[in-house]
PDB file of N, CA and C in Angstrom:
ATOM      1  N   MET A   1     -20.397  18.812   4.125  1.00  0.00           N
ATOM      2  CA  MET A   1     -19.332  17.750   4.077  1.00  0.00           C
ATOM      3  C   MET A   1     -18.556  17.783   2.846  1.00  0.00           C
ATOM      4  N   ASN A   2     -19.208  17.988   1.711  1.00  0.00           N
ATOM      5  CA  ASN A   2     -18.472  18.040   0.488  1.00  0.00           C
ATOM      6  C   ASN A   2     -17.483  19.339   0.399  1.00  0.00           C
ATOM      7  N   GLY A   3     -17.859  20.301   0.984  1.00  0.00           N
ATOM      8  CA  GLY A   3     -16.880  21.477   1.066  1.00  0.00           C
ATOM      9  C   GLY A   3     -15.663  21.136   1.916  1.00  0.00           C
ATOM     10  N   LEU A   4     -15.883  20.522   3.097  1.00  0.00           N
ATOM     11  CA  LEU A   4     -14.782  20.041   3.847  1.00  0.00           C
ATOM     12  C   LEU A   4     -13.863  19.193   3.334  1.00  0.00           C
ATOM     13  N   MET A   5     -14.319  18.205   2.697  1.00  0.00           N
ATOM     14  CA  MET A   5     -13.528  17.305   1.818  1.00  0.00           C
ATOM     15  C   MET A   5     -12.759  17.848   0.680  1.00  0.00           C
ATOM     16  N   SER A   6     -13.310  18.654   0.012  1.00  0.00           N
ATOM     17  CA  SER A   6     -12.631  19.331  -1.057  1.00  0.00           C
ATOM     18  C   SER A   6     -11.707  20.418  -0.553  1.00  0.00           C
ATOM     19  N   LYS A   7     -11.934  20.983   0.696  1.00  0.00           N
ATOM     20  CA  LYS A   7     -10.766  21.769   1.240  1.00  0.00           C
ATOM     21  C   LYS A   7      -9.528  21.000   1.614  1.00  0.00           C
ATOM     22  N   ALA A   8      -9.893  19.767   2.217  1.00  0.00           N
ATOM     23  CA  ALA A   8      -8.864  18.958   2.669  1.00  0.00           C
ATOM     24  C   ALA A   8      -7.794  18.358   1.723  1.00  0.00           C
ATOM     25  N   VAL A   9      -8.531  18.005   0.477  1.00  0.00           N
ATOM     26  CA  VAL A   9      -7.725  17.530  -0.757  1.00  0.00           C
ATOM     27  C   VAL A   9      -6.910  18.793  -1.235  1.00  0.00           C
ATOM     28  N   ARG A  10      -7.709  19.791  -1.411  1.00  0.00           N
ATOM     29  CA  ARG A  10      -7.065  21.063  -1.978  1.00  0.00           C
ATOM     30  C   ARG A  10      -5.738  21.404  -1.089  1.00  0.00           C
ATOM     31  N   ASP A  11      -5.814  21.435   0.287  1.00  0.00           N
ATOM     32  CA  ASP A  11      -4.700  21.671   1.164  1.00  0.00           C
ATOM     33  C   ASP A  11      -3.630  20.649   1.159  1.00  0.00           C
ATOM     34  N   GLN A  12      -3.859  19.511   0.958  1.00  0.00           N
ATOM     35  CA  GLN A  12      -2.984  18.331   0.765  1.00  0.00           C
ATOM     36  C   GLN A  12      -2.683  17.994  -0.542  1.00  0.00           C
ATOM     37  N   ARG A  13      -3.032  18.516  -1.687  1.00  0.00           N
ATOM     38  CA  ARG A  13      -2.700  18.084  -2.880  1.00  0.00           C
ATOM     39  C   ARG A  13      -1.359  17.682  -3.188  1.00  0.00           C
ATOM     40  N   ARG A  14      -0.492  18.452  -2.769  1.00  0.00           N
ATOM     41  CA  ARG A  14       1.149  18.075  -2.970  1.00  0.00           C
ATOM     42  C   ARG A  14       1.532  16.776  -2.418  1.00  0.00           C
ATOM     43  N   SER A  15       1.085  16.498  -1.138  1.00  0.00           N
ATOM     44  CA  SER A  15       1.457  15.201  -0.471  1.00  0.00           C
ATOM     45  C   SER A  15       0.621  14.129  -1.108  1.00  0.00           C
ATOM     46  N   LEU A  16      -0.603  14.279  -1.420  1.00  0.00           N
ATOM     47  CA  LEU A  16      -1.336  13.256  -2.124  1.00  0.00           C
ATOM     48  C   LEU A  16      -0.750  12.842  -3.427  1.00  0.00           C
ATOM     49  N   ILE A  17      -0.409  13.876  -4.261  1.00  0.00           N
ATOM     50  CA  ILE A  17       0.337  13.552  -5.509  1.00  0.00           C
ATOM     51  C   ILE A  17       1.745  12.929  -5.247  1.00  0.00           C
ATOM     52  N   ALA A  18       2.465  13.295  -4.234  1.00  0.00           N
ATOM     53  CA  ALA A  18       3.740  12.604  -3.975  1.00  0.00           C
ATOM     54  C   ALA A  18       3.429  11.249  -3.462  1.00  0.00           C
ATOM     55  N   TRP A  19       2.650  11.104  -2.631  1.00  0.00           N
ATOM     56  CA  TRP A  19       2.342   9.672  -2.043  1.00  0.00           C
ATOM     57  C   TRP A  19       1.914   8.757  -3.235  1.00  0.00           C
ATOM     58  N   SER A  20       1.068   9.226  -4.134  1.00  0.00           N
ATOM     59  CA  SER A  20       0.509   8.388  -5.234  1.00  0.00           C
ATOM     60  C   SER A  20       1.703   8.040  -6.261  1.00  0.00           C
ATOM     61  N   ILE A  21       2.718   8.831  -6.502  1.00  0.00           N
ATOM     62  CA  ILE A  21       3.722   8.674  -7.286  1.00  0.00           C
ATOM     63  C   ILE A  21       4.700   7.651  -6.557  1.00  0.00           C
ATOM     64  N   GLY A  22       4.855   7.705  -5.147  1.00  0.00           N
ATOM     65  CA  GLY A  22       5.626   6.745  -4.339  1.00  0.00           C
ATOM     66  C   GLY A  22       4.938   5.402  -4.338  1.00  0.00           C
ATOM     67  N   VAL A  23       3.611   5.227  -4.227  1.00  0.00           N
ATOM     68  CA  VAL A  23       3.011   4.016  -4.313  1.00  0.00           C
ATOM     69  C   VAL A  23       3.046   3.292  -5.450  1.00  0.00           C
ATOM     70  N   GLY A  24       2.998   4.217  -6.693  1.00  0.00           N
ATOM     71  CA  GLY A  24       3.140   3.672  -7.998  1.00  0.00           C
ATOM     72  C   GLY A  24       4.567   3.043  -8.184  1.00  0.00           C
ATOM     73  N   ALA A  25       5.587   3.554  -7.656  1.00  0.00           N
ATOM     74  CA  ALA A  25       6.927   3.443  -7.619  1.00  0.00           C
ATOM     75  C   ALA A  25       7.198   2.198  -6.878  1.00  0.00           C
ATOM     76  N   VAL A  26       6.599   1.845  -5.776  1.00  0.00           N
ATOM     77  CA  VAL A  26       6.706   0.866  -5.055  1.00  0.00           C
ATOM     78  C   VAL A  26       6.027  -0.590  -5.816  1.00  0.00           C
ATOM     79  N   VAL A  27       4.833  -0.272  -6.280  1.00  0.00           N
ATOM     80  CA  VAL A  27       4.300  -1.349  -7.156  1.00  0.00           C
ATOM     81  C   VAL A  27       5.241  -1.617  -8.289  1.00  0.00           C
ATOM     82  N   ALA A  28       5.645  -0.655  -9.009  1.00  0.00           N
ATOM     83  CA  ALA A  28       6.621  -1.015  -9.879  1.00  0.00           C
ATOM     84  C   ALA A  28       7.818  -1.750  -9.697  1.00  0.00           C
ATOM     85  N   MET A  29       8.158  -1.406  -8.502  1.00  0.00           N
ATOM     86  CA  MET A  29       9.496  -2.134  -8.018  1.00  0.00           C
ATOM     87  C   MET A  29       9.132  -3.579  -7.805  1.00  0.00           C
ATOM     88  N   TYR A  30       8.065  -3.858  -7.062  1.00  0.00           N
ATOM     89  CA  TYR A  30       7.595  -5.239  -6.938  1.00  0.00           C
ATOM     90  C   TYR A  30       7.371  -6.048  -8.273  1.00  0.00           C
ATOM     91  N   ALA A  31       6.768  -5.311  -9.244  1.00  0.00           N
ATOM     92  CA  ALA A  31       6.550  -5.862 -10.343  1.00  0.00           C
ATOM     93  C   ALA A  31       7.854  -6.181 -11.228  1.00  0.00           C
ATOM     94  N   ALA A  32       8.883  -5.263 -11.019  1.00  0.00           N
ATOM     95  CA  ALA A  32      10.266  -5.594 -11.604  1.00  0.00           C
ATOM     96  C   ALA A  32      10.781  -6.980 -10.999  1.00  0.00           C
ATOM     97  N   PHE A  33      10.602  -7.253  -9.770  1.00  0.00           N
ATOM     98  CA  PHE A  33      11.112  -8.417  -9.166  1.00  0.00           C
ATOM     99  C   PHE A  33      10.491  -9.896  -9.722  1.00  0.00           C
ATOM    100  N   TYR A  34       9.324  -9.607 -10.301  1.00  0.00           N
ATOM    101  CA  TYR A  34       8.471 -10.955 -10.714  1.00  0.00           C
ATOM    102  C   TYR A  34       9.298 -11.970 -11.593  1.00  0.00           C
ATOM    103  N   PRO A  35       9.902 -11.319 -12.504  1.00  0.00           N
ATOM    104  CA  PRO A  35      10.633 -12.488 -13.429  1.00  0.00           C
ATOM    105  C   PRO A  35      11.502 -13.397 -12.547  1.00  0.00           C
ATOM    106  N   SER A  36      12.176 -12.806 -11.466  1.00  0.00           N
ATOM    107  CA  SER A  36      13.021 -13.649 -10.645  1.00  0.00           C
ATOM    108  C   SER A  36      12.198 -14.726  -9.989  1.00  0.00           C
ATOM    109  N   ILE A  37      10.912 -14.358  -9.497  1.00  0.00           N
ATOM    110  CA  ILE A  37       9.927 -15.177  -8.937  1.00  0.00           C
ATOM    111  C   ILE A  37       9.539 -16.297  -9.847  1.00  0.00           C
ATOM    112  N   LYS A  38       9.192 -15.848 -11.040  1.00  0.00           N
ATOM    113  CA  LYS A  38       8.607 -16.564 -11.956  1.00  0.00           C
ATOM    114  C   LYS A  38       9.714 -17.759 -12.381  1.00  0.00           C
ATOM    115  N   SER A  39      10.973 -17.536 -12.220  1.00  0.00           N
ATOM    116  CA  SER A  39      12.044 -18.600 -12.771  1.00  0.00           C
ATOM    117  C   SER A  39      12.141 -19.542 -11.627  1.00  0.00           C
ATOM    118  N   SER A  40      11.635 -19.396 -10.458  1.00  0.00           N
ATOM    119  CA  SER A  40      11.696 -20.468  -9.412  1.00  0.00           C
ATOM    120  C   SER A  40      10.167 -20.784  -8.898  1.00  0.00           C
ATOM    121  N   ALA A  41       9.310 -20.771  -9.721  1.00  0.00           N
ATOM    122  CA  ALA A  41       7.956 -21.001  -9.460  1.00  0.00           C
ATOM    123  C   ALA A  41       7.597 -22.257  -8.870  1.00  0.00           C
ATOM    124  N   ALA A  42       8.157 -23.265  -9.336  1.00  0.00           N
ATOM    125  CA  ALA A  42       7.663 -24.595  -8.928  1.00  0.00           C
ATOM    126  C   ALA A  42       8.153 -24.776  -7.561  1.00  0.00           C
ATOM    127  N   ASP A  43       9.399 -24.273  -7.108  1.00  0.00           N
ATOM    128  CA  ASP A  43       9.824 -24.515  -5.647  1.00  0.00           C
ATOM    129  C   ASP A  43       9.171 -23.731  -4.799  1.00  0.00           C
ATOM    130  N   LEU A  44       8.911 -22.351  -5.306  1.00  0.00           N
ATOM    131  CA  LEU A  44       8.265 -21.309  -4.409  1.00  0.00           C
ATOM    132  C   LEU A  44       6.739 -21.730  -4.081  1.00  0.00           C
ATOM    133  N   GLN A  45       6.008 -22.461  -5.175  1.00  0.00           N
ATOM    134  CA  GLN A  45       4.612 -22.800  -4.767  1.00  0.00           C
ATOM    135  C   GLN A  45       4.698 -24.130  -3.982  1.00  0.00           C
ATOM    136  N   ALA A  46       5.649 -24.949  -4.074  1.00  0.00           N
ATOM    137  CA  ALA A  46       5.772 -26.119  -3.140  1.00  0.00           C
ATOM    138  C   ALA A  46       6.058 -25.644  -1.692  1.00  0.00           C
ATOM    139  N   TYR A  47       6.745 -24.676  -1.656  1.00  0.00           N
ATOM    140  CA  TYR A  47       6.994 -24.103  -0.159  1.00  0.00           C
ATOM    141  C   TYR A  47       5.967 -23.526   0.418  1.00  0.00           C
ATOM    142  N   MET A  48       5.104 -22.689  -0.519  1.00  0.00           N
ATOM    143  CA  MET A  48       3.894 -22.075  -0.055  1.00  0.00           C
ATOM    144  C   MET A  48       2.834 -23.081   0.264  1.00  0.00           C
ATOM    145  N   ASP A  49       2.916 -24.304  -0.467  1.00  0.00           N
ATOM    146  CA  ASP A  49       1.782 -25.226  -0.072  1.00  0.00           C
ATOM    147  C   ASP A  49       2.036 -25.933   1.226  1.00  0.00           C
ATOM    148  N   LYS A  50       3.276 -26.057   1.690  1.00  0.00           N
ATOM    149  CA  LYS A  50       3.684 -26.610   2.956  1.00  0.00           C
ATOM    150  C   LYS A  50       3.511 -25.715   4.117  1.00  0.00           C
ATOM    151  N   LEU A  51       3.152 -24.404   3.921  1.00  0.00           N
ATOM    152  CA  LEU A  51       2.943 -23.602   5.093  1.00  0.00           C
ATOM    153  C   LEU A  51       1.604 -23.910   5.688  1.00  0.00           C
ATOM    154  N   PRO A  52       1.596 -23.768   6.965  1.00  0.00           N
ATOM    155  CA  PRO A  52       0.224 -23.885   7.812  1.00  0.00           C
ATOM    156  C   PRO A  52      -0.903 -22.879   7.205  1.00  0.00           C
ATOM    157  N   ASP A  53      -2.041 -23.367   7.462  1.00  0.00           N
ATOM    158  CA  ASP A  53      -3.251 -22.668   6.711  1.00  0.00           C
ATOM    159  C   ASP A  53      -3.356 -21.328   7.338  1.00  0.00           C
ATOM    160  N   ALA A  54      -2.835 -21.024   8.587  1.00  0.00           N
ATOM    161  CA  ALA A  54      -3.091 -19.594   9.238  1.00  0.00           C
ATOM    162  C   ALA A  54      -2.056 -18.741   8.520  1.00  0.00           C
ATOM    163  N   ILE A  55      -0.792 -19.297   8.309  1.00  0.00           N
ATOM    164  CA  ILE A  55       0.071 -18.244   7.470  1.00  0.00           C
ATOM    165  C   ILE A  55      -0.224 -18.048   6.164  1.00  0.00           C
ATOM    166  N   ARG A  56      -0.884 -19.321   5.434  1.00  0.00           N
ATOM    167  CA  ARG A  56      -1.259 -18.960   4.054  1.00  0.00           C
ATOM    168  C   ARG A  56      -2.492 -17.897   4.086  1.00  0.00           C
ATOM    169  N   ASN A  57      -3.300 -18.032   5.020  1.00  0.00           N
ATOM    170  CA  ASN A  57      -4.328 -16.978   5.133  1.00  0.00           C
ATOM    171  C   ASN A  57      -3.941 -15.407   5.382  1.00  0.00           C
ATOM    172  N   ILE A  58      -2.829 -15.424   5.953  1.00  0.00           N
ATOM    173  CA  ILE A  58      -2.236 -14.178   6.230  1.00  0.00           C
ATOM    174  C   ILE A  58      -1.701 -13.594   4.892  1.00  0.00           C
ATOM    175  N   VAL A  59      -1.044 -14.346   4.194  1.00  0.00           N
ATOM    176  CA  VAL A  59      -0.300 -14.092   3.064  1.00  0.00           C
ATOM    177  C   VAL A  59      -1.416 -13.935   1.869  1.00  0.00           C
ATOM    178  N   ALA A  60      -2.343 -14.796   2.024  1.00  0.00           N
ATOM    179  CA  ALA A  60      -3.587 -14.764   1.226  1.00  0.00           C
ATOM    180  C   ALA A  60      -3.369 -14.932  -0.346  1.00  0.00           C
ATOM    181  N   ALA A  61      -2.253 -15.830  -0.487  1.00  0.00           N
ATOM    182  CA  ALA A  61      -1.901 -15.999  -1.981  1.00  0.00           C
ATOM    183  C   ALA A  61      -2.452 -17.376  -2.423  1.00  0.00           C
ATOM    184  N   GLU A  62      -3.509 -17.400  -3.293  1.00  0.00           N
ATOM    185  CA  GLU A  62      -3.924 -18.566  -3.963  1.00  0.00           C
ATOM    186  C   GLU A  62      -2.921 -19.200  -5.009  1.00  0.00           C
ATOM    187  N   ASP A  63      -2.297 -18.461  -5.804  1.00  0.00           N
ATOM    188  CA  ASP A  63      -1.303 -18.886  -6.693  1.00  0.00           C
ATOM    189  C   ASP A  63      -0.266 -17.910  -6.596  1.00  0.00           C
ATOM    190  N   TYR A  64       0.771 -18.077  -5.775  1.00  0.00           N
ATOM    191  CA  TYR A  64       1.903 -16.984  -5.548  1.00  0.00           C
ATOM    192  C   TYR A  64       2.634 -16.737  -6.741  1.00  0.00           C
ATOM    193  N   THR A  65       2.650 -17.854  -7.650  1.00  0.00           N
ATOM    194  CA  THR A  65       3.687 -17.684  -8.934  1.00  0.00           C
ATOM    195  C   THR A  65       3.037 -17.036 -10.078  1.00  0.00           C
ATOM    196  N   SER A  66       1.720 -16.632  -9.971  1.00  0.00           N
ATOM    197  CA  SER A  66       1.119 -15.848 -10.898  1.00  0.00           C
ATOM    198  C   SER A  66       1.349 -14.320 -10.895  1.00  0.00           C
ATOM    199  N   PRO A  67       1.416 -13.606 -11.757  1.00  0.00           N
ATOM    200  CA  PRO A  67       1.677 -12.097 -11.490  1.00  0.00           C
ATOM    201  C   PRO A  67       0.648 -11.702 -10.394  1.00  0.00           C
ATOM    202  N   VAL A  68      -0.587 -11.847 -10.704  1.00  0.00           N
ATOM    203  CA  VAL A  68      -1.751 -11.327  -9.856  1.00  0.00           C
ATOM    204  C   VAL A  68      -1.623 -11.753  -8.460  1.00  0.00           C
ATOM    205  N   GLY A  69      -1.342 -13.066  -8.227  1.00  0.00           N
ATOM    206  CA  GLY A  69      -1.108 -13.534  -6.863  1.00  0.00           C
ATOM    207  C   GLY A  69       0.106 -13.093  -6.209  1.00  0.00           C
ATOM    208  N   TYR A  70       1.300 -12.854  -6.973  1.00  0.00           N
ATOM    209  CA  TYR A  70       2.765 -12.178  -6.409  1.00  0.00           C
ATOM    210  C   TYR A  70       2.304 -10.837  -5.831  1.00  0.00           C
ATOM    211  N   LEU A  71       1.622 -10.120  -6.757  1.00  0.00           N
ATOM    212  CA  LEU A  71       1.392  -8.540  -6.404  1.00  0.00           C
ATOM    213  C   LEU A  71       0.481  -8.507  -5.128  1.00  0.00           C
ATOM    214  N   GLU A  72      -0.653  -9.508  -5.230  1.00  0.00           N
ATOM    215  CA  GLU A  72      -1.666  -9.479  -4.170  1.00  0.00           C
ATOM    216  C   GLU A  72      -0.986  -9.821  -2.782  1.00  0.00           C
ATOM    217  N   SER A  73      -0.063 -10.889  -2.714  1.00  0.00           N
ATOM    218  CA  SER A  73       0.586 -11.107  -1.527  1.00  0.00           C
ATOM    219  C   SER A  73       1.582 -10.311  -1.084  1.00  0.00           C
ATOM    220  N   GLU A  74       2.414  -9.768  -1.842  1.00  0.00           N
ATOM    221  CA  GLU A  74       3.602  -8.907  -1.562  1.00  0.00           C
ATOM    222  C   GLU A  74       3.131  -7.581  -1.402  1.00  0.00           C
ATOM    223  N   PHE A  75       2.274  -6.963  -2.139  1.00  0.00           N
ATOM    224  CA  PHE A  75       2.018  -5.544  -1.860  1.00  0.00           C
ATOM    225  C   PHE A  75       0.533  -5.216  -1.265  1.00  0.00           C
ATOM    226  N   PHE A  76      -0.401  -5.820  -1.894  1.00  0.00           N
ATOM    227  CA  PHE A  76      -1.731  -5.395  -1.423  1.00  0.00           C
ATOM    228  C   PHE A  76      -2.273  -5.940  -0.102  1.00  0.00           C
ATOM    229  N   ASN A  77      -1.593  -7.058   0.451  1.00  0.00           N
ATOM    230  CA  ASN A  77      -1.995  -7.633   1.627  1.00  0.00           C
ATOM    231  C   ASN A  77      -1.061  -7.259   2.719  1.00  0.00           C
ATOM    232  N   THR A  78       0.197  -6.783   2.312  1.00  0.00           N
ATOM    233  CA  THR A  78       1.257  -6.441   3.475  1.00  0.00           C
ATOM    234  C   THR A  78       1.632  -4.897   3.484  1.00  0.00           C
ATOM    235  N   MET A  79       2.091  -4.537   2.372  1.00  0.00           N
ATOM    236  CA  MET A  79       2.776  -3.335   2.211  1.00  0.00           C
ATOM    237  C   MET A  79       1.586  -2.229   1.924  1.00  0.00           C
ATOM    238  N   GLY A  80       0.735  -2.451   1.072  1.00  0.00           N
ATOM    239  CA  GLY A  80      -0.250  -1.481   0.727  1.00  0.00           C
ATOM    240  C   GLY A  80      -1.186  -1.029   2.011  1.00  0.00           C
ATOM    241  N   PRO A  81      -1.827  -1.751   2.751  1.00  0.00           N
ATOM    242  CA  PRO A  81      -2.360  -1.330   3.768  1.00  0.00           C
ATOM    243  C   PRO A  81      -1.558  -0.482   4.922  1.00  0.00           C
ATOM    244  N   LEU A  82      -0.292  -0.985   5.121  1.00  0.00           N
ATOM    245  CA  LEU A  82       0.654  -0.266   6.033  1.00  0.00           C
ATOM    246  C   LEU A  82       0.884   1.289   5.374  1.00  0.00           C
ATOM    247  N   ILE A  83       1.125   1.348   4.184  1.00  0.00           N
ATOM    248  CA  ILE A  83       1.268   2.628   3.357  1.00  0.00           C
ATOM    249  C   ILE A  83       0.161   3.605   3.576  1.00  0.00           C
ATOM    250  N   VAL A  84      -1.259   3.031   3.402  1.00  0.00           N
ATOM    251  CA  VAL A  84      -2.482   3.731   3.542  1.00  0.00           C
ATOM    252  C   VAL A  84      -2.505   4.131   4.992  1.00  0.00           C
ATOM    253  N   VAL A  85      -2.274   3.314   6.101  1.00  0.00           N
ATOM    254  CA  VAL A  85      -2.416   3.789   7.451  1.00  0.00           C
ATOM    255  C   VAL A  85      -1.314   5.014   7.745  1.00  0.00           C
ATOM    256  N   ILE A  86      -0.170   4.723   7.222  1.00  0.00           N
ATOM    257  CA  ILE A  86       0.991   5.865   7.413  1.00  0.00           C
ATOM    258  C   ILE A  86       0.350   7.255   6.867  1.00  0.00           C
ATOM    259  N   PHE A  87      -0.089   7.127   5.720  1.00  0.00           N
ATOM    260  CA  PHE A  87      -0.374   8.303   4.906  1.00  0.00           C
ATOM    261  C   PHE A  87      -1.625   8.930   5.774  1.00  0.00           C
ATOM    262  N   THR A  88      -2.445   8.253   6.212  1.00  0.00           N
ATOM    263  CA  THR A  88      -3.801   8.811   6.828  1.00  0.00           C
ATOM    264  C   THR A  88      -3.391   9.363   8.163  1.00  0.00           C
ATOM    265  N   ILE A  89      -2.589   8.795   8.843  1.00  0.00           N
ATOM    266  CA  ILE A  89      -2.019   9.390  10.169  1.00  0.00           C
ATOM    267  C   ILE A  89      -1.259  10.613   9.856  1.00  0.00           C
ATOM    268  N   GLY A  90      -0.549  10.789   9.020  1.00  0.00           N
ATOM    269  CA  GLY A  90       0.301  11.869   8.594  1.00  0.00           C
ATOM    270  C   GLY A  90      -0.608  13.017   8.152  1.00  0.00           C
ATOM    271  N   ALA A  91      -1.486  12.636   7.259  1.00  0.00           N
ATOM    272  CA  ALA A  91      -2.492  13.566   6.656  1.00  0.00           C
ATOM    273  C   ALA A  91      -3.528  14.322   7.819  1.00  0.00           C
ATOM    274  N   GLY A  92      -3.986  13.366   8.656  1.00  0.00           N
ATOM    275  CA  GLY A  92      -4.615  13.916   9.775  1.00  0.00           C
ATOM    276  C   GLY A  92      -3.854  14.755  10.695  1.00  0.00           C
ATOM    277  N   ALA A  93      -2.565  14.410  11.020  1.00  0.00           N
ATOM    278  CA  ALA A  93      -1.719  15.205  11.734  1.00  0.00           C
ATOM    279  C   ALA A  93      -1.415  16.671  11.158  1.00  0.00           C
ATOM    280  N   ARG A  94      -1.210  16.594   9.849  1.00  0.00           N
ATOM    281  CA  ARG A  94      -0.968  17.840   8.950  1.00  0.00           C
ATOM    282  C   ARG A  94      -2.183  18.657   9.038  1.00  0.00           C
ATOM    283  N   ALA A  95      -3.449  18.050   8.857  1.00  0.00           N
ATOM    284  CA  ALA A  95      -4.662  18.943   8.879  1.00  0.00           C
ATOM    285  C   ALA A  95      -4.830  19.565  10.094  1.00  0.00           C
ATOM    286  N   ILE A  96      -4.603  18.977  11.330  1.00  0.00           N
ATOM    287  CA  ILE A  96      -4.902  19.530  12.700  1.00  0.00           C
ATOM    288  C   ILE A  96      -3.691  20.645  12.932  1.00  0.00           C
ATOM    289  N   ALA A  97      -2.459  20.233  12.656  1.00  0.00           N
ATOM    290  CA  ALA A  97      -1.374  21.091  12.897  1.00  0.00           C
ATOM    291  C   ALA A  97      -1.455  22.290  11.954  1.00  0.00           C
ATOM    292  N   GLY A  98      -1.861  22.301  10.722  1.00  0.00           N
ATOM    293  CA  GLY A  98      -1.876  23.330   9.568  1.00  0.00           C
ATOM    294  C   GLY A  98      -3.149  24.357  10.195  1.00  0.00           C
ATOM    295  N   GLU A  99      -4.269  23.902  10.457  1.00  0.00           N
ATOM    296  CA  GLU A  99      -5.266  24.628  11.076  1.00  0.00           C
ATOM    297  C   GLU A  99      -4.788  25.432  12.238  1.00  0.00           C
ATOM    298  N   GLU A 100      -4.241  24.671  13.165  1.00  0.00           N
ATOM    299  CA  GLU A 100      -3.803  25.318  14.414  1.00  0.00           C
ATOM    300  C   GLU A 100      -2.693  26.345  14.237  1.00  0.00           C
ATOM    301  N   GLU A 101      -1.707  26.306  13.206  1.00  0.00           N
ATOM    302  CA  GLU A 101      -0.744  27.258  13.026  1.00  0.00           C
ATOM    303  C   GLU A 101      -1.466  28.430  12.303  1.00  0.00           C
ATOM    304  N   SER A 102      -2.340  28.204  11.334  1.00  0.00           N
ATOM    305  CA  SER A 102      -3.053  29.416  10.717  1.00  0.00           C
ATOM    306  C   SER A 102      -3.968  30.052  11.529  1.00  0.00           C
ATOM    307  N   GLY A 103      -4.397  29.545  12.667  1.00  0.00           N
ATOM    308  CA  GLY A 103      -5.386  30.121  13.690  1.00  0.00           C
ATOM    309  C   GLY A 103      -6.857  29.920  13.285  1.00  0.00           C
ATOM    310  N   THR A 104      -6.888  28.962  12.364  1.00  0.00           N
ATOM    311  CA  THR A 104      -8.427  28.570  12.032  1.00  0.00           C
ATOM    312  C   THR A 104      -9.063  27.455  12.592  1.00  0.00           C
ATOM    313  N   LEU A 105      -8.283  26.759  13.540  1.00  0.00           N
ATOM    314  CA  LEU A 105      -8.888  25.624  14.212  1.00  0.00           C
ATOM    315  C   LEU A 105     -10.165  25.695  14.986  1.00  0.00           C
ATOM    316  N   ASP A 106     -10.301  26.902  15.541  1.00  0.00           N
ATOM    317  CA  ASP A 106     -11.614  27.137  16.245  1.00  0.00           C
ATOM    318  C   ASP A 106     -12.628  27.112  15.230  1.00  0.00           C
TER     319      ASP A 106
END
């Protein structure tokens, strides 16, 4: 199993590096927007407190106006899992198609 995992990482190292840089850039972009969120913190927190419990659980922000709460609700609860799913599907498809093209799928 260890050899299989190392082969998969070795075969897809370029895309893994590119996706890592991309995810880092998305997090940096969200972090760059935080000062505008901080300036309207009181209004935004009042709005978040008025939301129904079900919606607040989806957003999962205890304190949306803190840097940690903002990044948690904006990236790690919504965009992050979506990016991981897209990467996983693409990596699986590349692994199967790459082995099929090289004739080593058998």
